[in-house]
Amino acid sequence: MTRRPRQRTTVRSYGILFKDERVVLVRSSNPHHVPPLWWLPGGGIDFGEAPEEALVREFLEETGLAVDDPHLIGVTSDERRRDNGERLHTVRILYTVRWVGGSLRDEAEGTTDLARWFALAEMDDVNLADYARRALDLVQSK
């Protein structure tokens, strides 16, 4: 009998923080991403946690920046197959946020390893996750 690959759905919150024609991005710590893959700060929602609370917590964990005032810009989803064969369906809740404190720093031990400001003019040269590129395009077109 053939085993079906495991299937799983996750719900995550991500934020877009703009300042002076720049945006904060975080780099995937996965060494298999060549060139390195960048995405929006954010991540998984814990049981019982509101999406906005998860966003604020994850943003701080990944960047050292405190944010608030999340404004919903959209929800997206995608499916991918992991190296182990698992099928992962990810629902992403996307927000813009406001910077209220902290200093940019890298996450020590997590799914990201660098946090950086990128000029909006250089986004074409960044290996950016598809969902993040679509989210940035959506916000900039408004």
N, C-alpha and C. Protein backbone atom coordinates (compact mmCIF):
# COMPACT_ATOMS: atom_id res chain seq x y z
N MET A 1 0.83 -1.17 0.00
CA MET A 1 0.00 0.00 0.00
C MET A 1 0.89 1.25 0.00
N THR A 2 0.57 2.19 -0.86
CA THR A 2 1.33 3.44 -0.95
C THR A 2 0.81 4.44 0.07
N ARG A 3 1.72 5.04 0.80
CA ARG A 3 1.34 6.06 1.78
C ARG A 3 1.17 7.40 1.09
N ARG A 4 0.08 8.07 1.41
CA ARG A 4 -0.14 9.42 0.89
C ARG A 4 0.73 10.39 1.67
N PRO A 5 1.27 11.40 0.99
CA PRO A 5 2.03 12.40 1.73
C PRO A 5 1.13 13.12 2.73
N ARG A 6 1.70 13.49 3.84
CA ARG A 6 0.96 14.23 4.85
C ARG A 6 0.53 15.58 4.29
N GLN A 7 -0.66 16.01 4.64
CA GLN A 7 -1.18 17.30 4.22
C GLN A 7 -1.46 18.14 5.46
N ARG A 8 -1.14 19.43 5.36
CA ARG A 8 -1.31 20.30 6.52
C ARG A 8 -1.62 21.71 6.05
N THR A 9 -2.47 22.41 6.82
CA THR A 9 -2.77 23.81 6.55
C THR A 9 -2.26 24.65 7.72
N THR A 10 -1.60 25.75 7.41
CA THR A 10 -1.16 26.69 8.44
C THR A 10 -1.73 28.06 8.12
N VAL A 11 -1.98 28.84 9.17
CA VAL A 11 -2.44 30.22 9.01
C VAL A 11 -1.39 31.12 9.65
N ARG A 12 -0.96 32.13 8.90
CA ARG A 12 0.13 33.00 9.33
C ARG A 12 -0.21 34.46 9.08
N SER A 13 0.41 35.35 9.86
CA SER A 13 0.24 36.80 9.70
C SER A 13 1.57 37.42 9.31
N TYR A 14 1.54 38.32 8.33
CA TYR A 14 2.75 39.00 7.86
C TYR A 14 2.50 40.50 7.77
N GLY A 15 3.57 41.28 7.96
CA GLY A 15 3.42 42.72 7.94
C GLY A 15 4.36 43.41 6.98
N ILE A 16 3.89 44.53 6.45
CA ILE A 16 4.69 45.39 5.59
C ILE A 16 4.94 46.68 6.35
N LEU A 17 6.21 46.98 6.56
CA LEU A 17 6.61 48.21 7.23
C LEU A 17 7.43 49.05 6.27
N PHE A 18 6.89 50.21 5.92
CA PHE A 18 7.58 51.16 5.05
C PHE A 18 8.17 52.29 5.87
N LYS A 19 9.32 52.79 5.45
CA LYS A 19 9.91 54.00 6.03
C LYS A 19 10.89 54.57 5.00
N ASP A 20 10.70 55.84 4.64
CA ASP A 20 11.62 56.53 3.73
C ASP A 20 11.87 55.75 2.44
N GLU A 21 10.80 55.31 1.78
CA GLU A 21 10.90 54.58 0.51
C GLU A 21 11.68 53.27 0.66
N ARG A 22 11.63 52.69 1.86
CA ARG A 22 12.27 51.40 2.13
C ARG A 22 11.25 50.49 2.82
N VAL A 23 11.53 49.19 2.77
CA VAL A 23 10.68 48.19 3.41
C VAL A 23 11.58 47.20 4.14
N VAL A 24 11.08 46.69 5.28
CA VAL A 24 11.82 45.69 6.03
C VAL A 24 11.50 44.31 5.48
N LEU A 25 12.55 43.52 5.21
CA LEU A 25 12.41 42.13 4.80
C LEU A 25 13.30 41.26 5.68
N VAL A 26 12.96 39.98 5.76
CA VAL A 26 13.78 39.02 6.49
C VAL A 26 14.18 37.90 5.53
N ARG A 27 15.38 37.34 5.78
CA ARG A 27 15.92 36.30 4.90
C ARG A 27 15.69 34.92 5.51
N SER A 28 15.27 33.99 4.68
CA SER A 28 15.08 32.61 5.10
C SER A 28 16.41 32.03 5.56
N SER A 29 16.39 31.30 6.67
CA SER A 29 17.60 30.65 7.16
C SER A 29 17.82 29.28 6.50
N ASN A 30 16.93 28.89 5.60
CA ASN A 30 17.05 27.61 4.91
C ASN A 30 18.21 27.67 3.92
N PRO A 31 19.26 26.85 4.12
CA PRO A 31 20.43 26.90 3.23
C PRO A 31 20.14 26.39 1.82
N HIS A 32 18.99 25.74 1.62
CA HIS A 32 18.63 25.25 0.28
C HIS A 32 18.10 26.35 -0.62
N HIS A 33 17.81 27.51 -0.06
CA HIS A 33 17.35 28.63 -0.89
C HIS A 33 18.56 29.33 -1.49
N VAL A 34 18.80 29.02 -2.76
CA VAL A 34 19.92 29.63 -3.49
C VAL A 34 19.37 30.22 -4.78
N PRO A 35 19.44 31.55 -4.96
CA PRO A 35 19.96 32.52 -4.01
C PRO A 35 19.05 32.62 -2.78
N PRO A 36 19.55 33.25 -1.72
CA PRO A 36 18.74 33.37 -0.50
C PRO A 36 17.37 33.97 -0.80
N LEU A 37 16.37 33.48 -0.08
CA LEU A 37 14.99 33.91 -0.26
C LEU A 37 14.60 34.89 0.85
N TRP A 38 14.01 35.99 0.46
CA TRP A 38 13.56 37.02 1.40
C TRP A 38 12.05 37.03 1.43
N TRP A 39 11.50 37.41 2.60
CA TRP A 39 10.05 37.53 2.73
C TRP A 39 9.70 38.58 3.77
N LEU A 40 8.40 38.76 3.98
CA LEU A 40 7.92 39.74 4.96
C LEU A 40 8.04 39.18 6.37
N PRO A 41 8.32 40.03 7.34
CA PRO A 41 8.34 39.57 8.73
C PRO A 41 6.95 39.09 9.14
N GLY A 42 6.93 38.02 9.90
CA GLY A 42 5.68 37.47 10.39
C GLY A 42 5.80 35.97 10.54
N GLY A 43 4.67 35.34 10.82
CA GLY A 43 4.71 33.89 10.97
C GLY A 43 3.46 33.32 11.57
N GLY A 44 3.62 32.15 12.15
CA GLY A 44 2.51 31.35 12.62
C GLY A 44 1.73 31.97 13.77
N ILE A 45 0.45 31.68 13.76
CA ILE A 45 -0.48 32.14 14.80
C ILE A 45 -0.62 31.02 15.82
N ASP A 46 -0.31 31.32 17.08
CA ASP A 46 -0.46 30.33 18.15
C ASP A 46 -1.93 30.10 18.47
N PHE A 47 -2.24 28.95 19.05
CA PHE A 47 -3.62 28.63 19.43
C PHE A 47 -4.17 29.73 20.35
N GLY A 48 -5.34 30.25 20.01
CA GLY A 48 -6.00 31.27 20.82
C GLY A 48 -5.49 32.68 20.59
N GLU A 49 -4.49 32.85 19.74
CA GLU A 49 -3.88 34.16 19.49
C GLU A 49 -4.59 34.83 18.31
N ALA A 50 -4.86 36.12 18.44
CA ALA A 50 -5.44 36.88 17.34
C ALA A 50 -4.37 37.07 16.26
N PRO A 51 -4.75 37.11 14.98
CA PRO A 51 -3.78 37.31 13.92
C PRO A 51 -2.93 38.58 14.12
N GLU A 52 -3.56 39.65 14.61
CA GLU A 52 -2.83 40.90 14.82
C GLU A 52 -1.80 40.76 15.94
N GLU A 53 -2.14 40.01 16.98
CA GLU A 53 -1.20 39.76 18.08
C GLU A 53 -0.02 38.94 17.59
N ALA A 54 -0.29 37.93 16.78
CA ALA A 54 0.77 37.09 16.22
C ALA A 54 1.71 37.92 15.37
N LEU A 55 1.15 38.81 14.58
CA LEU A 55 1.96 39.67 13.72
C LEU A 55 2.91 40.53 14.55
N VAL A 56 2.40 41.18 15.57
CA VAL A 56 3.23 42.04 16.42
C VAL A 56 4.33 41.22 17.08
N ARG A 57 3.99 40.04 17.61
CA ARG A 57 4.96 39.17 18.27
C ARG A 57 6.03 38.69 17.30
N GLU A 58 5.60 38.17 16.15
CA GLU A 58 6.55 37.65 15.16
C GLU A 58 7.45 38.74 14.59
N PHE A 59 6.88 39.91 14.37
CA PHE A 59 7.67 41.03 13.82
C PHE A 59 8.81 41.35 14.79
N LEU A 60 8.50 41.43 16.07
CA LEU A 60 9.52 41.73 17.08
C LEU A 60 10.56 40.61 17.14
N GLU A 61 10.12 39.35 17.12
CA GLU A 61 11.05 38.22 17.18
C GLU A 61 12.02 38.23 16.00
N GLU A 62 11.51 38.50 14.81
CA GLU A 62 12.34 38.39 13.61
C GLU A 62 13.15 39.63 13.29
N THR A 63 12.74 40.80 13.79
CA THR A 63 13.42 42.04 13.38
C THR A 63 13.91 42.91 14.53
N GLY A 64 13.40 42.70 15.73
CA GLY A 64 13.72 43.59 16.84
C GLY A 64 12.90 44.86 16.84
N LEU A 65 12.00 45.01 15.87
CA LEU A 65 11.18 46.22 15.76
C LEU A 65 9.80 46.00 16.36
N ALA A 66 9.38 46.95 17.18
CA ALA A 66 8.03 46.93 17.73
C ALA A 66 7.11 47.65 16.74
N VAL A 67 6.00 47.01 16.41
CA VAL A 67 5.04 47.59 15.48
C VAL A 67 3.65 47.53 16.09
N ASP A 68 2.77 48.39 15.56
CA ASP A 68 1.37 48.34 15.96
C ASP A 68 0.51 48.86 14.81
N ASP A 69 -0.76 49.06 15.09
CA ASP A 69 -1.72 49.60 14.14
C ASP A 69 -1.80 48.80 12.84
N PRO A 70 -1.96 47.46 12.94
CA PRO A 70 -2.05 46.67 11.72
C PRO A 70 -3.32 46.97 10.93
N HIS A 71 -3.16 47.17 9.63
CA HIS A 71 -4.29 47.39 8.72
C HIS A 71 -4.30 46.27 7.70
N LEU A 72 -5.40 45.53 7.66
CA LEU A 72 -5.54 44.41 6.75
C LEU A 72 -5.48 44.88 5.30
N ILE A 73 -4.62 44.23 4.52
CA ILE A 73 -4.58 44.55 3.08
C ILE A 73 -5.06 43.39 2.23
N GLY A 74 -5.09 42.19 2.81
CA GLY A 74 -5.58 41.06 2.05
C GLY A 74 -5.20 39.73 2.66
N VAL A 75 -5.75 38.68 2.06
CA VAL A 75 -5.46 37.31 2.46
C VAL A 75 -5.12 36.55 1.20
N THR A 76 -4.08 35.74 1.28
CA THR A 76 -3.66 34.95 0.14
C THR A 76 -3.37 33.53 0.61
N SER A 77 -3.31 32.59 -0.31
CA SER A 77 -2.95 31.23 0.07
C SER A 77 -2.18 30.58 -1.08
N ASP A 78 -1.40 29.60 -0.72
CA ASP A 78 -0.65 28.84 -1.72
C ASP A 78 -0.37 27.46 -1.18
N GLU A 79 0.03 26.59 -2.05
CA GLU A 79 0.35 25.23 -1.68
C GLU A 79 1.73 24.88 -2.24
N ARG A 80 2.50 24.15 -1.44
CA ARG A 80 3.79 23.69 -1.92
C ARG A 80 4.09 22.33 -1.30
N ARG A 81 5.03 21.65 -1.90
CA ARG A 81 5.47 20.36 -1.41
C ARG A 81 6.85 20.54 -0.80
N ARG A 82 7.01 20.10 0.44
CA ARG A 82 8.29 20.19 1.13
C ARG A 82 9.22 19.07 0.65
N ASP A 83 10.49 19.19 1.00
CA ASP A 83 11.48 18.19 0.61
C ASP A 83 11.11 16.79 1.11
N ASN A 84 10.42 16.70 2.25
CA ASN A 84 10.04 15.40 2.82
C ASN A 84 8.76 14.84 2.21
N GLY A 85 8.20 15.52 1.21
CA GLY A 85 6.99 15.07 0.53
C GLY A 85 5.71 15.64 1.10
N GLU A 86 5.78 16.24 2.28
CA GLU A 86 4.60 16.82 2.90
C GLU A 86 4.02 17.92 2.02
N ARG A 87 2.70 17.94 1.90
CA ARG A 87 2.02 19.03 1.19
C ARG A 87 1.57 20.05 2.21
N LEU A 88 1.95 21.30 1.99
CA LEU A 88 1.66 22.37 2.93
C LEU A 88 0.82 23.44 2.25
N HIS A 89 -0.35 23.70 2.81
CA HIS A 89 -1.23 24.77 2.33
C HIS A 89 -1.11 25.90 3.35
N THR A 90 -0.65 27.06 2.89
CA THR A 90 -0.43 28.20 3.79
C THR A 90 -1.40 29.31 3.45
N VAL A 91 -2.15 29.75 4.48
CA VAL A 91 -3.02 30.91 4.37
C VAL A 91 -2.28 32.06 5.03
N ARG A 92 -2.09 33.15 4.28
CA ARG A 92 -1.35 34.31 4.79
C ARG A 92 -2.26 35.52 4.91
N ILE A 93 -2.30 36.08 6.12
CA ILE A 93 -3.06 37.30 6.37
C ILE A 93 -2.04 38.44 6.33
N LEU A 94 -2.28 39.40 5.47
CA LEU A 94 -1.30 40.45 5.19
C LEU A 94 -1.76 41.81 5.71
N TYR A 95 -0.85 42.51 6.37
CA TYR A 95 -1.14 43.80 6.98
C TYR A 95 -0.05 44.81 6.64
N THR A 96 -0.39 46.08 6.71
CA THR A 96 0.61 47.12 6.85
C THR A 96 0.68 47.44 8.34
N VAL A 97 1.86 47.88 8.79
CA VAL A 97 2.05 48.18 10.21
C VAL A 97 2.80 49.49 10.36
N ARG A 98 2.80 49.99 11.60
CA ARG A 98 3.49 51.24 11.93
C ARG A 98 4.59 50.92 12.93
N TRP A 99 5.78 51.49 12.70
CA TRP A 99 6.93 51.29 13.58
C TRP A 99 6.77 52.15 14.82
N VAL A 100 6.90 51.53 16.02
CA VAL A 100 6.76 52.29 17.26
C VAL A 100 7.98 52.20 18.16
N GLY A 101 8.98 51.40 17.78
CA GLY A 101 10.18 51.32 18.61
C GLY A 101 11.08 50.17 18.22
N GLY A 102 12.19 50.10 18.93
CA GLY A 102 13.15 49.03 18.70
C GLY A 102 14.17 49.38 17.63
N SER A 103 15.18 48.55 17.56
CA SER A 103 16.25 48.70 16.56
C SER A 103 16.33 47.42 15.74
N LEU A 104 16.56 47.59 14.45
CA LEU A 104 16.63 46.43 13.56
C LEU A 104 17.77 45.52 13.98
N ARG A 105 17.45 44.23 14.12
CA ARG A 105 18.45 43.21 14.43
C ARG A 105 18.00 41.89 13.81
N ASP A 106 18.93 40.95 13.74
CA ASP A 106 18.65 39.65 13.14
C ASP A 106 18.06 38.69 14.18
N GLU A 107 17.26 37.74 13.70
CA GLU A 107 16.74 36.69 14.58
C GLU A 107 17.87 35.70 14.87
N ALA A 108 17.99 35.29 16.12
CA ALA A 108 19.10 34.43 16.51
C ALA A 108 18.92 32.99 16.04
N GLU A 109 17.82 32.37 16.35
CA GLU A 109 17.60 30.96 16.00
C GLU A 109 16.17 30.76 15.56
N GLY A 110 15.94 30.86 14.28
CA GLY A 110 14.57 30.71 13.79
C GLY A 110 14.56 30.43 12.31
N THR A 111 13.43 30.69 11.69
CA THR A 111 13.29 30.45 10.25
C THR A 111 13.91 31.56 9.43
N THR A 112 14.32 32.65 10.10
CA THR A 112 15.03 33.72 9.40
C THR A 112 16.36 33.96 10.10
N ASP A 113 17.31 34.55 9.35
CA ASP A 113 18.62 34.81 9.95
C ASP A 113 19.15 36.22 9.71
N LEU A 114 18.48 36.99 8.87
CA LEU A 114 18.86 38.38 8.63
C LEU A 114 17.60 39.22 8.49
N ALA A 115 17.68 40.46 8.96
CA ALA A 115 16.61 41.44 8.78
C ALA A 115 17.25 42.69 8.20
N ARG A 116 16.69 43.21 7.12
CA ARG A 116 17.30 44.37 6.46
C ARG A 116 16.23 45.29 5.89
N TRP A 117 16.61 46.57 5.78
CA TRP A 117 15.81 47.55 5.05
C TRP A 117 16.23 47.46 3.58
N PHE A 118 15.26 47.44 2.69
CA PHE A 118 15.52 47.45 1.25
C PHE A 118 14.83 48.65 0.62
N ALA A 119 15.54 49.34 -0.26
CA ALA A 119 14.93 50.42 -1.02
C ALA A 119 13.89 49.83 -1.97
N LEU A 120 12.74 50.47 -2.04
CA LEU A 120 11.69 49.98 -2.94
C LEU A 120 12.18 49.91 -4.38
N ALA A 121 13.07 50.82 -4.74
CA ALA A 121 13.60 50.85 -6.11
C ALA A 121 14.43 49.62 -6.45
N GLU A 122 14.93 48.87 -5.46
CA GLU A 122 15.76 47.70 -5.73
C GLU A 122 15.02 46.38 -5.60
N MET A 123 13.71 46.40 -5.46
CA MET A 123 12.95 45.17 -5.25
C MET A 123 13.07 44.18 -6.41
N ASP A 124 13.26 44.68 -7.63
CA ASP A 124 13.39 43.77 -8.78
C ASP A 124 14.62 42.89 -8.67
N ASP A 125 15.62 43.31 -7.90
CA ASP A 125 16.87 42.56 -7.77
C ASP A 125 16.89 41.61 -6.58
N VAL A 126 15.81 41.57 -5.81
CA VAL A 126 15.74 40.74 -4.60
C VAL A 126 14.99 39.45 -4.92
N ASN A 127 15.53 38.32 -4.46
CA ASN A 127 14.83 37.04 -4.58
C ASN A 127 13.75 37.00 -3.50
N LEU A 128 12.59 37.52 -3.85
CA LEU A 128 11.51 37.74 -2.91
C LEU A 128 10.44 36.66 -3.09
N ALA A 129 9.95 36.12 -1.97
CA ALA A 129 8.88 35.12 -2.03
C ALA A 129 7.71 35.68 -2.82
N ASP A 130 7.06 34.82 -3.59
CA ASP A 130 5.97 35.27 -4.47
C ASP A 130 4.88 36.02 -3.71
N TYR A 131 4.46 35.49 -2.55
CA TYR A 131 3.39 36.16 -1.81
C TYR A 131 3.81 37.56 -1.37
N ALA A 132 5.09 37.71 -1.01
CA ALA A 132 5.60 39.02 -0.55
C ALA A 132 5.64 40.01 -1.71
N ARG A 133 6.05 39.55 -2.88
CA ARG A 133 6.07 40.43 -4.05
C ARG A 133 4.66 40.89 -4.40
N ARG A 134 3.72 39.96 -4.38
CA ARG A 134 2.32 40.32 -4.69
C ARG A 134 1.79 41.31 -3.66
N ALA A 135 2.10 41.10 -2.39
CA ALA A 135 1.63 42.00 -1.33
C ALA A 135 2.21 43.39 -1.51
N LEU A 136 3.50 43.48 -1.78
CA LEU A 136 4.13 44.79 -1.99
C LEU A 136 3.55 45.50 -3.21
N ASP A 137 3.34 44.74 -4.28
CA ASP A 137 2.74 45.32 -5.49
C ASP A 137 1.35 45.84 -5.19
N LEU A 138 0.57 45.10 -4.42
CA LEU A 138 -0.79 45.49 -4.07
C LEU A 138 -0.79 46.81 -3.29
N VAL A 139 0.07 46.91 -2.28
CA VAL A 139 0.12 48.11 -1.44
C VAL A 139 0.62 49.31 -2.23
N GLN A 140 1.62 49.11 -3.07
CA GLN A 140 2.18 50.22 -3.84
C GLN A 140 1.26 50.71 -4.93
N SER A 141 0.32 49.85 -5.38
CA SER A 141 -0.59 50.27 -6.45
C SER A 141 -1.75 51.11 -5.91
N LYS A 142 -1.92 51.14 -4.59
CA LYS A 142 -3.04 51.90 -3.99
C LYS A 142 -2.69 53.36 -3.85
